[in-house]
């Protein structure tokens, strides 16, 4: 599709977000399964349900415009999800892995917040009040998800840091035992 107007750009950006939401719907179950923290797992599961609603809102907007929702691959989200998949596959301490999952999920949230803020503004400028209201609702839910991840991260990051400090103490104790000299006979 050639972009010649703000409306064309709006449609293109909505398609990008629609594909992004569908990629997230596929990725969230694996993130939830990988999470060690019950709070983090619950947050991923709850956000998966909201993400389905986000995709449905975009479908509704397209339906009202007489457009098709499909047609564009969101390469940005594809990259973010690939990074998240790498975190899932990496061998890490449980708390560190949860911290890494949160970091990956927040990158996704920030991408979505930027995208929804943009299309909401386009919808407003184009006089699409109903669409703007739906997009604002999704934008607020994405901000809430980001805040939930922030709240969970406060605890998880402390746990990851405490675990690292304990590991350093153990390693330090092992080194000191192996570097002691035997008393001279």
C-alpha atoms as a PDB file:
ATOM      1  CA  UNK A   1       0.000   0.000   0.000  1.00  0.00           C
ATOM      2  CA  UNK A   2       1.355   3.391  -0.965  1.00  0.00           C
ATOM      3  CA  UNK A   3       1.097   5.972   1.795  1.00  0.00           C
ATOM      4  CA  UNK A   4      -0.140   9.287   0.389  1.00  0.00           C
ATOM      5  CA  UNK A   5      -2.124  10.698   3.297  1.00  0.00           C
ATOM      6  CA  UNK A   6      -2.435  10.683   7.054  1.00  0.00           C
ATOM      7  CA  UNK A   7      -5.361   8.274   6.648  1.00  0.00           C
ATOM      8  CA  UNK A   8      -3.144   5.874   4.666  1.00  0.00           C
ATOM      9  CA  UNK A   9      -0.504   6.124   7.374  1.00  0.00           C
ATOM     10  CA  UNK A  10      -3.154   5.542  10.051  1.00  0.00           C
ATOM     11  CA  UNK A  11      -4.348   2.369   8.301  1.00  0.00           C
ATOM     12  CA  UNK A  12      -0.763   1.166   7.836  1.00  0.00           C
ATOM     13  CA  UNK A  13       0.067   1.768  11.501  1.00  0.00           C
ATOM     14  CA  UNK A  14      -3.115   0.016  12.646  1.00  0.00           C
ATOM     15  CA  UNK A  15      -2.182  -3.031  10.546  1.00  0.00           C
ATOM     16  CA  UNK A  16       1.263  -2.987  12.109  1.00  0.00           C
ATOM     17  CA  UNK A  17      -0.244  -2.922  15.606  1.00  0.00           C
ATOM     18  CA  UNK A  18      -2.724  -5.644  14.730  1.00  0.00           C
ATOM     19  CA  UNK A  19       0.070  -7.947  13.638  1.00  0.00           C
ATOM     20  CA  UNK A  20       2.072  -6.979  16.739  1.00  0.00           C
ATOM     21  CA  UNK A  21      -0.839  -7.913  19.002  1.00  0.00           C
ATOM     22  CA  UNK A  22      -1.222 -11.278  17.282  1.00  0.00           C
ATOM     23  CA  UNK A  23       2.501 -11.991  17.680  1.00  0.00           C
ATOM     24  CA  UNK A  24       2.217 -11.147  21.383  1.00  0.00           C
ATOM     25  CA  UNK A  25      -0.789 -13.441  21.783  1.00  0.00           C
ATOM     26  CA  UNK A  26       1.383 -16.298  20.513  1.00  0.00           C
ATOM     27  CA  UNK A  27       4.406 -15.375  22.672  1.00  0.00           C
ATOM     28  CA  UNK A  28       2.762 -14.699  26.043  1.00  0.00           C
ATOM     29  CA  UNK A  29       1.905 -18.323  26.942  1.00  0.00           C
ATOM     30  CA  UNK A  30       5.577 -19.329  26.692  1.00  0.00           C
ATOM     31  CA  UNK A  31       6.614 -16.314  28.778  1.00  0.00           C
ATOM     32  CA  UNK A  32       4.013 -17.235  31.398  1.00  0.00           C
ATOM     33  CA  UNK A  33       5.223 -20.858  31.430  1.00  0.00           C
ATOM     34  CA  UNK A  34       8.828 -19.720  31.851  1.00  0.00           C
ATOM     35  CA  UNK A  35       8.158 -17.241  34.675  1.00  0.00           C
ATOM     36  CA  UNK A  36       9.184 -18.521  38.099  1.00  0.00           C
ATOM     37  CA  UNK A  37       7.350 -15.846  40.068  1.00  0.00           C
ATOM     38  CA  UNK A  38       3.638 -16.491  40.551  1.00  0.00           C
ATOM     39  CA  UNK A  39       2.987 -12.741  40.308  1.00  0.00           C
ATOM     40  CA  UNK A  40       4.840 -12.495  37.017  1.00  0.00           C
ATOM     41  CA  UNK A  41       3.120 -15.581  35.613  1.00  0.00           C
ATOM     42  CA  UNK A  42      -0.276 -14.135  36.584  1.00  0.00           C
ATOM     43  CA  UNK A  43       0.586 -10.776  35.039  1.00  0.00           C
ATOM     44  CA  UNK A  44       1.491 -12.455  31.737  1.00  0.00           C
ATOM     45  CA  UNK A  45      -1.686 -14.552  31.784  1.00  0.00           C
ATOM     46  CA  UNK A  46      -3.899 -11.569  32.577  1.00  0.00           C
ATOM     47  CA  UNK A  47      -2.238  -9.462  29.896  1.00  0.00           C
ATOM     48  CA  UNK A  48      -2.780 -12.229  27.360  1.00  0.00           C
ATOM     49  CA  UNK A  49      -6.536 -11.863  27.833  1.00  0.00           C
ATOM     50  CA  UNK A  50      -6.294  -8.099  27.487  1.00  0.00           C
ATOM     51  CA  UNK A  51      -4.126  -8.493  24.392  1.00  0.00           C
ATOM     52  CA  UNK A  52      -6.855 -10.548  22.741  1.00  0.00           C
ATOM     53  CA  UNK A  53      -9.203  -7.662  23.479  1.00  0.00           C
ATOM     54  CA  UNK A  54      -6.720  -5.207  21.947  1.00  0.00           C
ATOM     55  CA  UNK A  55      -6.673  -7.204  18.718  1.00  0.00           C
ATOM     56  CA  UNK A  56     -10.484  -7.350  18.727  1.00  0.00           C
ATOM     57  CA  UNK A  57     -10.684  -3.569  19.138  1.00  0.00           C
ATOM     58  CA  UNK A  58      -8.451  -3.095  16.102  1.00  0.00           C
ATOM     59  CA  UNK A  59     -10.622  -5.545  14.145  1.00  0.00           C
ATOM     60  CA  UNK A  60     -13.651  -3.465  15.120  1.00  0.00           C
ATOM     61  CA  UNK A  61     -11.957  -0.262  13.940  1.00  0.00           C
ATOM     62  CA  UNK A  62     -11.099  -1.868  10.607  1.00  0.00           C
ATOM     63  CA  UNK A  63     -14.620  -3.203  10.246  1.00  0.00           C
ATOM     64  CA  UNK A  64     -16.057   0.271  10.815  1.00  0.00           C
ATOM     65  CA  UNK A  65     -13.650   1.675   8.180  1.00  0.00           C
ATOM     66  CA  UNK A  66     -14.460  -1.074   5.691  1.00  0.00           C
ATOM     67  CA  UNK A  67     -10.799  -2.172   5.675  1.00  0.00           C
ATOM     68  CA  UNK A  68      -9.064  -5.511   6.208  1.00  0.00           C
ATOM     69  CA  UNK A  69      -7.014  -5.861   9.375  1.00  0.00           C
ATOM     70  CA  UNK A  70      -4.333  -8.065   7.872  1.00  0.00           C
ATOM     71  CA  UNK A  71      -1.627  -7.304   5.404  1.00  0.00           C
ATOM     72  CA  UNK A  72       1.422  -6.033   7.232  1.00  0.00           C
ATOM     73  CA  UNK A  73       4.136  -7.787   9.237  1.00  0.00           C
ATOM     74  CA  UNK A  74       5.319  -5.885  12.309  1.00  0.00           C
ATOM     75  CA  UNK A  75       9.070  -6.341  12.072  1.00  0.00           C
ATOM     76  CA  UNK A  76       9.698  -4.325  15.231  1.00  0.00           C
ATOM     77  CA  UNK A  77       7.590  -6.677  17.336  1.00  0.00           C
ATOM     78  CA  UNK A  78       9.122  -9.660  15.574  1.00  0.00           C
ATOM     79  CA  UNK A  79      12.543  -8.507  16.791  1.00  0.00           C
ATOM     80  CA  UNK A  80      11.353  -7.838  20.333  1.00  0.00           C
ATOM     81  CA  UNK A  81       9.736 -11.265  20.533  1.00  0.00           C
ATOM     82  CA  UNK A  82      12.886 -12.896  19.187  1.00  0.00           C
ATOM     83  CA  UNK A  83      14.845 -11.230  21.997  1.00  0.00           C
ATOM     84  CA  UNK A  84      12.274 -12.501  24.499  1.00  0.00           C
ATOM     85  CA  UNK A  85      12.598 -16.013  23.079  1.00  0.00           C
ATOM     86  CA  UNK A  86      16.374 -15.823  23.599  1.00  0.00           C
ATOM     87  CA  UNK A  87      15.789 -14.966  27.270  1.00  0.00           C
ATOM     88  CA  UNK A  88      13.457 -17.958  27.603  1.00  0.00           C
ATOM     89  CA  UNK A  89      16.061 -20.304  26.125  1.00  0.00           C
ATOM     90  CA  UNK A  90      18.994 -18.984  28.155  1.00  0.00           C
ATOM     91  CA  UNK A  91      20.109 -20.869  31.271  1.00  0.00           C
ATOM     92  CA  UNK A  92      19.851 -18.428  34.198  1.00  0.00           C
ATOM     93  CA  UNK A  93      19.138 -18.254  37.885  1.00  0.00           C
ATOM     94  CA  UNK A  94      15.344 -18.201  38.382  1.00  0.00           C
ATOM     95  CA  UNK A  95      15.182 -14.650  39.771  1.00  0.00           C
ATOM     96  CA  UNK A  96      17.565 -13.325  37.129  1.00  0.00           C
ATOM     97  CA  UNK A  97      15.474 -14.995  34.423  1.00  0.00           C
ATOM     98  CA  UNK A  98      12.328 -13.356  35.789  1.00  0.00           C
ATOM     99  CA  UNK A  99      14.119  -9.989  35.784  1.00  0.00           C
ATOM    100  CA  UNK A 100      15.152 -10.598  32.162  1.00  0.00           C
ATOM    101  CA  UNK A 101      11.585 -11.599  31.216  1.00  0.00           C
ATOM    102  CA  UNK A 102      10.296  -8.376  32.745  1.00  0.00           C
ATOM    103  CA  UNK A 103      12.853  -6.356  30.794  1.00  0.00           C
ATOM    104  CA  UNK A 104      11.812  -8.066  27.547  1.00  0.00           C
ATOM    105  CA  UNK A 105       8.110  -7.582  28.316  1.00  0.00           C
ATOM    106  CA  UNK A 106       8.593  -3.904  29.137  1.00  0.00           C
ATOM    107  CA  UNK A 107      10.305  -3.336  25.798  1.00  0.00           C
ATOM    108  CA  UNK A 108       7.190  -4.778  24.178  1.00  0.00           C
ATOM    109  CA  UNK A 109       4.919  -2.570  26.307  1.00  0.00           C
ATOM    110  CA  UNK A 110       6.886   0.565  25.463  1.00  0.00           C
ATOM    111  CA  UNK A 111       6.706  -0.269  21.754  1.00  0.00           C
ATOM    112  CA  UNK A 112       2.953  -0.668  22.048  1.00  0.00           C
ATOM    113  CA  UNK A 113       2.531   2.497  24.103  1.00  0.00           C
ATOM    114  CA  UNK A 114       4.343   4.453  21.379  1.00  0.00           C
ATOM    115  CA  UNK A 115       2.257   2.831  18.642  1.00  0.00           C
ATOM    116  CA  UNK A 116      -1.099   3.294  20.329  1.00  0.00           C
ATOM    117  CA  UNK A 117      -0.334   6.893  21.269  1.00  0.00           C
ATOM    118  CA  UNK A 118       0.460   7.611  17.634  1.00  0.00           C
ATOM    119  CA  UNK A 119      -2.614   5.957  16.090  1.00  0.00           C
ATOM    120  CA  UNK A 120      -4.891   7.459  18.740  1.00  0.00           C
ATOM    121  CA  UNK A 121      -3.605  10.901  17.712  1.00  0.00           C
ATOM    122  CA  UNK A 122      -4.138  10.092  14.028  1.00  0.00           C
ATOM    123  CA  UNK A 123      -7.675   8.898  14.743  1.00  0.00           C
ATOM    124  CA  UNK A 124      -8.413  12.120  16.616  1.00  0.00           C
ATOM    125  CA  UNK A 125      -7.039  14.277  13.794  1.00  0.00           C
ATOM    126  CA  UNK A 126      -9.043  12.295  11.243  1.00  0.00           C
ATOM    127  CA  UNK A 127     -12.265  12.783  13.201  1.00  0.00           C
ATOM    128  CA  UNK A 128     -12.540   9.079  14.092  1.00  0.00           C
ATOM    129  CA  UNK A 129     -13.839   9.662  17.613  1.00  0.00           C
ATOM    130  CA  UNK A 130     -15.024   6.112  18.297  1.00  0.00           C
ATOM    131  CA  UNK A 131     -11.724   4.666  17.089  1.00  0.00           C
ATOM    132  CA  UNK A 132      -9.780   7.235  19.116  1.00  0.00           C
ATOM    133  CA  UNK A 133     -11.712   6.211  22.250  1.00  0.00           C
ATOM    134  CA  UNK A 134     -10.987   2.505  21.636  1.00  0.00           C
ATOM    135  CA  UNK A 135      -7.309   3.235  20.993  1.00  0.00           C
ATOM    136  CA  UNK A 136      -7.122   5.380  24.144  1.00  0.00           C
ATOM    137  CA  UNK A 137      -8.603   2.510  26.148  1.00  0.00           C
ATOM    138  CA  UNK A 138      -5.935   0.143  24.808  1.00  0.00           C
ATOM    139  CA  UNK A 139      -3.205   2.726  25.408  1.00  0.00           C
ATOM    140  CA  UNK A 140      -4.248   3.010  29.065  1.00  0.00           C
ATOM    141  CA  UNK A 141      -4.265  -0.784  29.456  1.00  0.00           C
ATOM    142  CA  UNK A 142      -0.750  -0.959  28.000  1.00  0.00           C
ATOM    143  CA  UNK A 143       0.405   1.692  30.477  1.00  0.00           C
ATOM    144  CA  UNK A 144      -1.217  -0.296  33.303  1.00  0.00           C
ATOM    145  CA  UNK A 145       0.589  -3.458  32.152  1.00  0.00           C
ATOM    146  CA  UNK A 146       3.886  -1.573  32.149  1.00  0.00           C
ATOM    147  CA  UNK A 147       3.209  -0.293  35.675  1.00  0.00           C
ATOM    148  CA  UNK A 148       2.343  -3.818  36.841  1.00  0.00           C
ATOM    149  CA  UNK A 149       5.663  -5.029  35.457  1.00  0.00           C
ATOM    150  CA  UNK A 150       7.430  -2.152  37.243  1.00  0.00           C
ATOM    151  CA  UNK A 151       5.794  -3.139  40.519  1.00  0.00           C
ATOM    152  CA  UNK A 152       6.738  -6.811  40.111  1.00  0.00           C
ATOM    153  CA  UNK A 153      10.271  -5.838  39.030  1.00  0.00           C
ATOM    154  CA  UNK A 154      10.885  -3.994  42.310  1.00  0.00           C
ATOM    155  CA  UNK A 155      10.672  -7.290  44.185  1.00  0.00           C
ATOM    156  CA  UNK A 156      12.177  -9.553  41.503  1.00  0.00           C
ATOM    157  CA  UNK A 157      15.192  -7.314  40.890  1.00  0.00           C
ATOM    158  CA  UNK A 158      15.959  -7.258  44.614  1.00  0.00           C
ATOM    159  CA  UNK A 159      15.697 -11.060  44.737  1.00  0.00           C
ATOM    160  CA  UNK A 160      17.998 -11.383  41.716  1.00  0.00           C
ATOM    161  CA  UNK A 161      20.497  -9.029  43.324  1.00  0.00           C
ATOM    162  CA  UNK A 162      20.384 -10.844  46.685  1.00  0.00           C
ATOM    163  CA  UNK A 163      20.879 -14.167  44.930  1.00  0.00           C
ATOM    164  CA  UNK A 164      23.893 -12.754  43.123  1.00  0.00           C
ATOM    165  CA  UNK A 165      25.369 -11.468  46.379  1.00  0.00           C
ATOM    166  CA  UNK A 166      24.897 -14.894  47.975  1.00  0.00           C
ATOM    167  CA  UNK A 167      26.541 -16.577  44.962  1.00  0.00           C
ATOM    168  CA  UNK A 168      29.502 -14.195  45.206  1.00  0.00           C
ATOM    169  CA  UNK A 169      29.881 -15.054  48.904  1.00  0.00           C
ATOM    170  CA  UNK A 170      29.890 -18.784  48.102  1.00  0.00           C
ATOM    171  CA  UNK A 171      32.427 -18.301  45.293  1.00  0.00           C
ATOM    172  CA  UNK A 172      34.570 -16.125  47.547  1.00  0.00           C
ATOM    173  CA  UNK A 173      34.533 -18.782  50.277  1.00  0.00           C
ATOM    174  CA  UNK A 174      35.529 -21.471  47.743  1.00  0.00           C
ATOM    175  CA  UNK A 175      38.407 -19.330  46.460  1.00  0.00           C
ATOM    176  CA  UNK A 176      39.700 -18.606  49.954  1.00  0.00           C
ATOM    177  CA  UNK A 177      39.717 -22.332  50.801  1.00  0.00           C
ATOM    178  CA  UNK A 178      41.686 -23.213  47.683  1.00  0.00           C
ATOM    179  CA  UNK A 179      44.221 -20.391  48.092  1.00  0.00           C
ATOM    180  CA  UNK A 180      45.149 -21.079  51.726  1.00  0.00           C
ATOM    181  CA  UNK A 181      48.640 -22.315  52.210  1.00  0.00           C
ATOM    182  CA  UNK A 182      49.256 -25.411  54.197  1.00  0.00           C
ATOM    183  CA  UNK A 183      51.228 -24.746  57.332  1.00  0.00           C
ATOM    184  CA  UNK A 184      54.904 -25.555  57.034  1.00  0.00           C
ATOM    185  CA  UNK A 185      55.846 -28.813  58.695  1.00  0.00           C
END
